[in-house]
């Protein structure tokens, strides 16, 4: 059986938690901060979790995570 390759772009963006879920960063947190509220900017820095609809796709890209 051949080895599976890790998708390196996904490896830089997602981390697996102890419960088996994946964490992710949030979009819209790179520039144009003057038009965003302080509360919105604070929430963008927290990150989030990958939705259940995308969990299998991320899991396939990270076979050894």
N, C-alpha and C. Protein backbone atom coordinates (compact mmCIF):
# COMPACT_ATOMS: atom_id res chain seq x y z
N UNK A 1 0.84 -1.19 0.00
CA UNK A 1 0.00 0.00 0.00
C UNK A 1 0.89 1.25 0.00
N UNK A 2 0.67 2.18 -0.92
CA UNK A 2 1.52 3.38 -0.95
C UNK A 2 1.23 4.31 0.22
N UNK A 3 2.23 5.10 0.54
CA UNK A 3 2.05 6.10 1.59
C UNK A 3 1.15 7.23 1.08
N UNK A 4 0.48 7.90 2.01
CA UNK A 4 -0.36 9.05 1.66
C UNK A 4 0.43 10.32 1.91
N UNK A 5 0.27 11.28 1.03
CA UNK A 5 0.96 12.55 1.18
C UNK A 5 0.08 13.55 1.89
N UNK A 6 0.68 14.31 2.79
CA UNK A 6 -0.01 15.39 3.48
C UNK A 6 -0.09 16.59 2.55
N UNK A 7 -1.25 17.22 2.50
CA UNK A 7 -1.43 18.46 1.74
C UNK A 7 -0.77 19.58 2.55
N UNK A 8 0.37 20.08 2.06
CA UNK A 8 1.17 21.00 2.85
C UNK A 8 0.48 22.34 3.08
N UNK A 9 -0.35 22.78 2.13
CA UNK A 9 -1.10 24.01 2.35
C UNK A 9 -2.10 23.86 3.48
N UNK A 10 -2.73 22.69 3.55
CA UNK A 10 -3.69 22.44 4.63
C UNK A 10 -2.97 22.27 5.96
N UNK A 11 -1.79 21.69 5.95
CA UNK A 11 -1.05 21.48 7.18
C UNK A 11 -0.67 22.80 7.85
N UNK A 12 -0.48 23.84 7.05
CA UNK A 12 -0.14 25.15 7.60
C UNK A 12 -1.36 25.89 8.13
N UNK A 13 -2.55 25.47 7.74
CA UNK A 13 -3.77 26.20 8.07
C UNK A 13 -4.62 25.55 9.14
N UNK A 14 -4.51 24.23 9.32
CA UNK A 14 -5.39 23.52 10.24
C UNK A 14 -4.57 22.74 11.25
N UNK A 15 -5.09 22.68 12.48
CA UNK A 15 -4.49 21.86 13.53
C UNK A 15 -5.59 20.99 14.13
N UNK A 16 -5.25 19.76 14.46
CA UNK A 16 -6.23 18.84 15.03
C UNK A 16 -6.24 18.98 16.55
N UNK A 17 -7.43 19.00 17.13
CA UNK A 17 -7.58 19.10 18.57
C UNK A 17 -7.58 17.69 19.18
N UNK A 18 -7.56 17.62 20.50
CA UNK A 18 -7.55 16.33 21.18
C UNK A 18 -8.84 15.57 20.95
N UNK A 19 -9.94 16.28 20.70
CA UNK A 19 -11.22 15.62 20.48
C UNK A 19 -11.42 15.21 19.02
N UNK A 20 -10.46 15.53 18.15
CA UNK A 20 -10.54 15.11 16.76
C UNK A 20 -11.09 16.16 15.81
N UNK A 21 -11.43 17.34 16.33
CA UNK A 21 -11.90 18.42 15.46
C UNK A 21 -10.69 19.18 14.92
N UNK A 22 -10.95 20.09 13.97
CA UNK A 22 -9.87 20.89 13.39
C UNK A 22 -10.10 22.36 13.69
N UNK A 23 -9.03 23.04 14.09
CA UNK A 23 -9.09 24.49 14.29
C UNK A 23 -8.66 25.18 13.00
N UNK A 24 -9.09 26.41 12.84
CA UNK A 24 -8.76 27.18 11.64
C UNK A 24 -8.66 28.64 12.02
N UNK A 25 -8.01 29.42 11.16
CA UNK A 25 -8.01 30.86 11.31
C UNK A 25 -9.21 31.46 10.61
N UNK A 26 -9.53 32.68 10.95
CA UNK A 26 -10.67 33.34 10.33
C UNK A 26 -10.23 34.22 9.17
N UNK A 27 -11.13 34.37 8.21
CA UNK A 27 -10.87 35.22 7.05
C UNK A 27 -11.10 36.68 7.42
N UNK A 28 -10.68 37.59 6.55
CA UNK A 28 -10.87 39.04 6.69
C UNK A 28 -10.07 39.61 7.87
N UNK A 29 -8.95 38.99 8.19
CA UNK A 29 -8.17 39.46 9.33
C UNK A 29 -6.75 39.86 8.90
N UNK A 30 -6.59 40.36 7.68
CA UNK A 30 -5.24 40.69 7.20
C UNK A 30 -5.02 42.17 6.95
N UNK A 31 -6.04 42.89 6.50
CA UNK A 31 -5.88 44.30 6.20
C UNK A 31 -7.23 44.98 6.24
N UNK A 32 -7.25 46.29 5.97
CA UNK A 32 -8.47 47.11 6.00
C UNK A 32 -9.14 47.09 7.37
N UNK A 33 -8.33 47.24 8.42
CA UNK A 33 -8.88 47.20 9.77
C UNK A 33 -9.58 48.48 10.19
N UNK A 34 -9.34 49.57 9.48
CA UNK A 34 -9.95 50.84 9.87
C UNK A 34 -11.47 50.80 9.74
N UNK A 35 -11.99 49.99 8.84
CA UNK A 35 -13.42 49.91 8.65
C UNK A 35 -14.10 48.85 9.50
N UNK A 36 -13.35 48.19 10.39
CA UNK A 36 -13.91 47.14 11.22
C UNK A 36 -13.98 47.63 12.67
N UNK A 37 -14.99 47.19 13.37
CA UNK A 37 -15.14 47.59 14.77
C UNK A 37 -14.11 46.85 15.63
N UNK A 38 -13.87 47.39 16.81
CA UNK A 38 -12.92 46.74 17.72
C UNK A 38 -13.40 45.35 18.12
N UNK A 39 -14.70 45.21 18.33
CA UNK A 39 -15.24 43.90 18.70
C UNK A 39 -15.06 42.91 17.56
N UNK A 40 -15.26 43.36 16.34
CA UNK A 40 -15.10 42.47 15.19
C UNK A 40 -13.64 42.05 15.04
N UNK A 41 -12.73 42.99 15.19
CA UNK A 41 -11.30 42.67 15.08
C UNK A 41 -10.88 41.69 16.18
N UNK A 42 -11.42 41.85 17.35
CA UNK A 42 -11.10 40.95 18.45
C UNK A 42 -11.59 39.53 18.15
N UNK A 43 -12.79 39.41 17.61
CA UNK A 43 -13.33 38.09 17.27
C UNK A 43 -12.53 37.43 16.14
N UNK A 44 -12.03 38.22 15.20
CA UNK A 44 -11.26 37.66 14.08
C UNK A 44 -9.96 37.03 14.57
N UNK A 45 -9.42 37.54 15.65
CA UNK A 45 -8.17 37.00 16.16
C UNK A 45 -8.31 35.70 16.91
N UNK A 46 -9.53 35.34 17.27
CA UNK A 46 -9.74 34.15 18.07
C UNK A 46 -9.60 32.85 17.28
N UNK A 47 -9.87 32.88 15.98
CA UNK A 47 -9.87 31.65 15.21
C UNK A 47 -11.20 30.93 15.38
N UNK A 48 -11.32 29.75 14.80
CA UNK A 48 -12.57 29.02 14.88
C UNK A 48 -12.36 27.55 14.61
N UNK A 49 -13.46 26.85 14.44
CA UNK A 49 -13.42 25.41 14.19
C UNK A 49 -13.93 25.14 12.77
N UNK A 50 -13.42 24.08 12.16
CA UNK A 50 -13.89 23.67 10.84
C UNK A 50 -15.29 23.08 10.99
N UNK A 51 -16.20 23.44 10.10
CA UNK A 51 -17.57 22.96 10.18
C UNK A 51 -17.63 21.47 9.90
N UNK A 52 -18.72 20.85 10.33
CA UNK A 52 -18.89 19.42 10.12
C UNK A 52 -18.99 19.08 8.63
N UNK A 53 -19.48 20.03 7.83
CA UNK A 53 -19.61 19.80 6.38
C UNK A 53 -18.24 19.68 5.72
N UNK A 54 -17.23 20.34 6.26
CA UNK A 54 -15.88 20.33 5.67
C UNK A 54 -14.91 19.43 6.42
N UNK A 55 -15.34 18.79 7.50
CA UNK A 55 -14.42 18.02 8.33
C UNK A 55 -13.78 16.87 7.56
N UNK A 56 -14.55 16.15 6.76
CA UNK A 56 -14.01 15.01 6.03
C UNK A 56 -12.98 15.45 4.99
N UNK A 57 -13.23 16.56 4.33
CA UNK A 57 -12.30 17.06 3.31
C UNK A 57 -10.97 17.44 3.94
N UNK A 58 -11.01 18.11 5.08
CA UNK A 58 -9.77 18.49 5.77
C UNK A 58 -9.06 17.24 6.29
N UNK A 59 -9.83 16.30 6.79
CA UNK A 59 -9.24 15.07 7.30
C UNK A 59 -8.53 14.28 6.20
N UNK A 60 -9.08 14.29 5.00
CA UNK A 60 -8.45 13.59 3.88
C UNK A 60 -7.14 14.27 3.48
N UNK A 61 -7.06 15.59 3.63
CA UNK A 61 -5.82 16.30 3.28
C UNK A 61 -4.74 16.12 4.34
N UNK A 62 -5.14 15.76 5.56
CA UNK A 62 -4.20 15.60 6.66
C UNK A 62 -4.30 14.17 7.22
N UNK A 63 -3.81 13.18 6.48
CA UNK A 63 -4.03 11.78 6.89
C UNK A 63 -3.31 11.41 8.18
N UNK A 64 -2.25 12.11 8.56
CA UNK A 64 -1.49 11.74 9.75
C UNK A 64 -1.65 12.74 10.87
N UNK A 65 -2.63 13.63 10.78
CA UNK A 65 -2.84 14.62 11.84
C UNK A 65 -3.57 13.99 13.00
